[in-house]
């Protein structure tokens, strides 16, 4: 597969995932109300999300993309965060 095909497939998968998530948000009932979706439909939606995720990972692996993965708080970090503090101005307030 060439990168043009991959990026087109990735766009399709992303659009499907976002649309499916929007549908879920729209039909999710308020607390205490019954869901309009059957148990089979809910399972089918979960399976769709799983399949989309698996294919997105396969495409990322084909392109050699490094997907960001979650980490644990006690896991050793490979990067160091550096805080920058803006120095105070020598000029009095109101002057530029």
N, C-alpha and C. Protein backbone atom coordinates (compact mmCIF):
# COMPACT_ATOMS: atom_id res chain seq x y z
N UNK A 1 0.83 -1.20 0.00
CA UNK A 1 0.00 0.00 0.00
C UNK A 1 0.87 1.25 0.00
N UNK A 2 0.45 2.23 -0.76
CA UNK A 2 1.20 3.48 -0.74
C UNK A 2 0.65 4.40 0.35
N UNK A 3 1.40 5.46 0.63
CA UNK A 3 1.02 6.35 1.74
C UNK A 3 -0.27 7.10 1.45
N UNK A 4 -0.58 7.36 0.17
CA UNK A 4 -1.83 8.04 -0.18
C UNK A 4 -3.03 7.18 0.20
N UNK A 5 -2.94 5.89 -0.11
CA UNK A 5 -4.01 4.96 0.25
C UNK A 5 -4.13 4.84 1.75
N UNK A 6 -2.99 4.76 2.43
CA UNK A 6 -3.02 4.63 3.89
C UNK A 6 -3.66 5.87 4.52
N UNK A 7 -3.26 7.04 4.05
CA UNK A 7 -3.80 8.24 4.67
C UNK A 7 -5.30 8.35 4.39
N UNK A 8 -5.75 7.91 3.22
CA UNK A 8 -7.17 7.93 2.91
C UNK A 8 -7.91 6.96 3.82
N UNK A 9 -7.36 5.78 4.01
CA UNK A 9 -7.98 4.81 4.90
C UNK A 9 -7.98 5.31 6.34
N UNK A 10 -6.91 5.97 6.74
CA UNK A 10 -6.85 6.53 8.10
C UNK A 10 -7.92 7.60 8.28
N UNK A 11 -8.12 8.44 7.27
CA UNK A 11 -9.15 9.47 7.36
C UNK A 11 -10.54 8.85 7.45
N UNK A 12 -10.76 7.78 6.70
CA UNK A 12 -12.05 7.08 6.76
C UNK A 12 -12.27 6.50 8.14
N UNK A 13 -11.27 5.84 8.69
CA UNK A 13 -11.39 5.24 10.02
C UNK A 13 -11.63 6.30 11.08
N UNK A 14 -10.92 7.42 10.98
CA UNK A 14 -11.08 8.50 11.95
C UNK A 14 -12.49 9.06 11.88
N UNK A 15 -13.01 9.27 10.65
CA UNK A 15 -14.36 9.79 10.48
C UNK A 15 -15.39 8.81 11.04
N UNK A 16 -15.19 7.52 10.80
CA UNK A 16 -16.11 6.52 11.31
C UNK A 16 -16.10 6.50 12.84
N UNK A 17 -14.91 6.58 13.43
CA UNK A 17 -14.80 6.56 14.89
C UNK A 17 -15.47 7.79 15.51
N UNK A 18 -15.21 8.96 14.94
CA UNK A 18 -15.80 10.19 15.47
C UNK A 18 -17.31 10.21 15.31
N UNK A 19 -17.81 9.75 14.16
CA UNK A 19 -19.24 9.72 13.92
C UNK A 19 -19.93 8.74 14.85
N UNK A 20 -19.33 7.57 15.01
CA UNK A 20 -19.90 6.57 15.92
C UNK A 20 -19.93 7.10 17.35
N UNK A 21 -18.87 7.77 17.76
CA UNK A 21 -18.83 8.35 19.11
C UNK A 21 -19.89 9.43 19.27
N UNK A 22 -20.11 10.23 18.24
CA UNK A 22 -21.15 11.27 18.29
C UNK A 22 -22.54 10.66 18.40
N UNK A 23 -22.78 9.58 17.67
CA UNK A 23 -24.07 8.89 17.74
C UNK A 23 -24.29 8.38 19.16
N UNK A 24 -23.24 7.80 19.75
CA UNK A 24 -23.34 7.29 21.12
C UNK A 24 -23.69 8.43 22.08
N UNK A 25 -23.02 9.56 21.93
CA UNK A 25 -23.30 10.71 22.81
C UNK A 25 -24.74 11.18 22.64
N UNK A 26 -25.23 11.19 21.40
CA UNK A 26 -26.58 11.68 21.14
C UNK A 26 -27.66 10.76 21.71
N UNK A 27 -27.43 9.46 21.72
CA UNK A 27 -28.48 8.53 22.17
C UNK A 27 -28.29 8.07 23.61
N UNK A 28 -27.22 8.52 24.27
CA UNK A 28 -27.02 8.13 25.67
C UNK A 28 -28.08 8.81 26.53
N UNK A 29 -28.85 7.99 27.25
CA UNK A 29 -29.93 8.57 28.06
C UNK A 29 -29.40 9.23 29.33
N UNK A 30 -30.21 10.12 29.87
CA UNK A 30 -29.86 10.75 31.13
C UNK A 30 -29.95 9.71 32.24
N UNK A 31 -29.33 10.00 33.35
CA UNK A 31 -29.30 9.08 34.47
C UNK A 31 -30.72 8.68 34.87
N UNK A 32 -30.92 7.38 35.03
CA UNK A 32 -32.21 6.88 35.46
C UNK A 32 -33.13 6.47 34.32
N UNK A 33 -32.78 6.81 33.08
CA UNK A 33 -33.60 6.44 31.92
C UNK A 33 -33.01 5.22 31.23
N UNK A 34 -33.86 4.48 30.53
CA UNK A 34 -33.41 3.30 29.80
C UNK A 34 -32.74 3.69 28.48
N UNK A 35 -31.78 2.90 28.08
CA UNK A 35 -31.09 3.15 26.82
C UNK A 35 -31.99 2.74 25.66
N UNK A 36 -32.01 3.53 24.59
CA UNK A 36 -32.81 3.15 23.42
C UNK A 36 -32.15 2.03 22.61
N UNK A 37 -30.92 1.70 22.94
CA UNK A 37 -30.18 0.68 22.19
C UNK A 37 -30.31 -0.68 22.86
N UNK A 38 -30.42 -1.71 22.04
CA UNK A 38 -30.49 -3.07 22.58
C UNK A 38 -29.09 -3.51 23.01
N UNK A 39 -29.03 -4.57 23.79
CA UNK A 39 -27.73 -5.10 24.23
C UNK A 39 -26.89 -5.55 23.04
N UNK A 40 -27.54 -6.12 22.03
CA UNK A 40 -26.83 -6.58 20.83
C UNK A 40 -26.21 -5.39 20.09
N UNK A 41 -26.97 -4.29 20.02
CA UNK A 41 -26.45 -3.09 19.35
C UNK A 41 -25.26 -2.52 20.10
N UNK A 42 -25.33 -2.48 21.42
CA UNK A 42 -24.22 -1.98 22.24
C UNK A 42 -22.98 -2.84 22.01
N UNK A 43 -23.15 -4.15 21.99
CA UNK A 43 -22.01 -5.05 21.74
C UNK A 43 -21.45 -4.84 20.34
N UNK A 44 -22.33 -4.63 19.36
CA UNK A 44 -21.89 -4.37 17.99
C UNK A 44 -21.08 -3.09 17.90
N UNK A 45 -21.50 -2.07 18.62
CA UNK A 45 -20.79 -0.79 18.63
C UNK A 45 -19.40 -0.97 19.26
N UNK A 46 -19.35 -1.70 20.36
CA UNK A 46 -18.06 -1.97 21.00
C UNK A 46 -17.14 -2.71 20.05
N UNK A 47 -17.68 -3.67 19.32
CA UNK A 47 -16.87 -4.43 18.36
C UNK A 47 -16.37 -3.53 17.23
N UNK A 48 -17.21 -2.60 16.78
CA UNK A 48 -16.79 -1.64 15.75
C UNK A 48 -15.62 -0.79 16.23
N UNK A 49 -15.74 -0.26 17.46
CA UNK A 49 -14.64 0.53 18.01
C UNK A 49 -13.36 -0.30 18.10
N UNK A 50 -13.48 -1.56 18.51
CA UNK A 50 -12.32 -2.44 18.62
C UNK A 50 -11.68 -2.66 17.26
N UNK A 51 -12.49 -2.96 16.25
CA UNK A 51 -11.96 -3.19 14.90
C UNK A 51 -11.32 -1.95 14.32
N UNK A 52 -11.93 -0.79 14.54
CA UNK A 52 -11.36 0.47 14.06
C UNK A 52 -10.00 0.70 14.72
N UNK A 53 -9.94 0.49 16.02
CA UNK A 53 -8.70 0.68 16.77
C UNK A 53 -7.59 -0.26 16.28
N UNK A 54 -7.95 -1.51 16.07
CA UNK A 54 -6.97 -2.50 15.60
C UNK A 54 -6.42 -2.09 14.24
N UNK A 55 -7.31 -1.69 13.33
CA UNK A 55 -6.86 -1.32 11.99
C UNK A 55 -6.02 -0.04 12.02
N UNK A 56 -6.39 0.92 12.86
CA UNK A 56 -5.59 2.14 12.98
C UNK A 56 -4.19 1.82 13.46
N UNK A 57 -4.08 0.88 14.41
CA UNK A 57 -2.76 0.49 14.90
C UNK A 57 -1.96 -0.21 13.80
N UNK A 58 -2.61 -1.08 13.03
CA UNK A 58 -1.92 -1.75 11.92
C UNK A 58 -1.39 -0.73 10.91
N UNK A 59 -2.20 0.26 10.58
CA UNK A 59 -1.76 1.29 9.63
C UNK A 59 -0.61 2.10 10.20
N UNK A 60 -0.68 2.43 11.47
CA UNK A 60 0.40 3.19 12.10
C UNK A 60 1.69 2.37 12.10
N UNK A 61 1.59 1.08 12.34
CA UNK A 61 2.77 0.21 12.32
C UNK A 61 3.36 0.13 10.91
N UNK A 62 2.51 0.07 9.89
CA UNK A 62 2.98 0.03 8.51
C UNK A 62 3.75 1.30 8.14
N UNK A 63 3.28 2.43 8.67
CA UNK A 63 3.95 3.71 8.39
C UNK A 63 5.12 3.97 9.32
N UNK A 64 5.30 3.11 10.32
CA UNK A 64 6.39 3.29 11.26
C UNK A 64 6.13 4.41 12.25
N UNK A 65 4.87 4.73 12.49
CA UNK A 65 4.54 5.78 13.44
C UNK A 65 4.62 5.23 14.85
N UNK A 66 5.15 6.03 15.74
CA UNK A 66 5.27 5.63 17.14
C UNK A 66 4.06 6.18 17.88
N UNK A 67 3.12 5.31 18.20
CA UNK A 67 1.92 5.75 18.91
C UNK A 67 2.27 6.04 20.37
N UNK A 68 1.77 7.15 20.86
CA UNK A 68 2.01 7.48 22.26
C UNK A 68 1.28 6.48 23.13
N UNK A 69 1.96 5.95 24.10
CA UNK A 69 1.33 4.97 24.97
C UNK A 69 1.25 5.54 26.38
N UNK A 70 0.24 5.13 27.12
CA UNK A 70 0.12 5.61 28.49
C UNK A 70 1.24 5.06 29.36
N UNK A 71 1.51 5.73 30.45
CA UNK A 71 2.56 5.27 31.36
C UNK A 71 2.07 5.39 32.79
N UNK A 72 2.71 4.65 33.68
CA UNK A 72 2.36 4.68 35.09
C UNK A 72 3.15 5.76 35.81
N UNK A 73 2.60 6.26 36.89
CA UNK A 73 3.22 7.34 37.64
C UNK A 73 4.60 6.93 38.15
N UNK A 74 4.75 5.67 38.57
CA UNK A 74 6.02 5.21 39.12
C UNK A 74 6.99 4.72 38.05
N UNK A 75 6.61 4.80 36.79
CA UNK A 75 7.47 4.38 35.69
C UNK A 75 8.59 5.41 35.48
N UNK A 76 9.79 4.95 35.18
CA UNK A 76 10.92 5.85 34.96
C UNK A 76 10.69 6.65 33.69
N UNK A 77 10.80 7.97 33.80
CA UNK A 77 10.59 8.86 32.66
C UNK A 77 11.86 8.97 31.83
N UNK A 78 11.69 9.05 30.51
CA UNK A 78 12.83 9.20 29.62
C UNK A 78 13.10 10.67 29.30
N UNK A 79 12.18 11.54 29.70
CA UNK A 79 12.34 12.97 29.44
C UNK A 79 12.26 13.73 30.76
N UNK A 80 12.88 14.89 30.78
CA UNK A 80 12.85 15.73 31.97
C UNK A 80 12.09 17.01 31.66
N UNK A 81 11.13 17.36 32.50
CA UNK A 81 10.36 18.59 32.33
C UNK A 81 11.17 19.73 32.91
N UNK A 82 11.29 20.80 32.14
CA UNK A 82 12.02 21.98 32.58
C UNK A 82 11.02 23.13 32.69
N UNK A 83 10.94 23.72 33.87
CA UNK A 83 10.05 24.86 34.09
C UNK A 83 10.79 26.15 33.79
N UNK A 84 10.13 27.01 33.03
CA UNK A 84 10.69 28.31 32.73
C UNK A 84 9.93 29.36 33.51
N UNK A 85 10.66 30.25 34.16
CA UNK A 85 10.04 31.33 34.91
C UNK A 85 10.40 32.63 34.21
N UNK A 86 9.36 33.37 33.85
CA UNK A 86 9.57 34.63 33.15
C UNK A 86 10.17 35.63 34.13
N UNK A 87 11.31 36.25 33.75
CA UNK A 87 11.93 37.22 34.65
C UNK A 87 11.05 38.45 34.80
N UNK A 88 11.11 39.03 36.00
CA UNK A 88 10.34 40.24 36.25
C UNK A 88 10.97 41.41 35.51
N UNK A 89 10.11 42.30 35.08
CA UNK A 89 10.56 43.46 34.35
C UNK A 89 11.19 44.48 35.32
N UNK A 90 12.22 45.19 34.86
CA UNK A 90 12.86 46.23 35.67
C UNK A 90 12.03 47.52 35.66
N UNK A 91 11.12 47.63 34.70
CA UNK A 91 10.34 48.86 34.53
C UNK A 91 9.15 48.83 35.48
N UNK A 92 8.77 50.01 36.00
CA UNK A 92 7.57 50.09 36.85
C UNK A 92 6.32 49.75 36.02
N UNK A 93 5.28 49.33 36.72
CA UNK A 93 4.05 48.97 36.02
C UNK A 93 3.48 50.17 35.30
N UNK A 94 2.87 49.93 34.14
CA UNK A 94 2.25 50.99 33.36
C UNK A 94 3.18 51.61 32.33
N UNK A 95 4.47 51.35 32.41
CA UNK A 95 5.41 51.90 31.42
C UNK A 95 5.79 50.78 30.46
N UNK A 96 6.03 51.18 29.19
CA UNK A 96 6.46 50.18 28.24
C UNK A 96 7.83 50.43 27.73
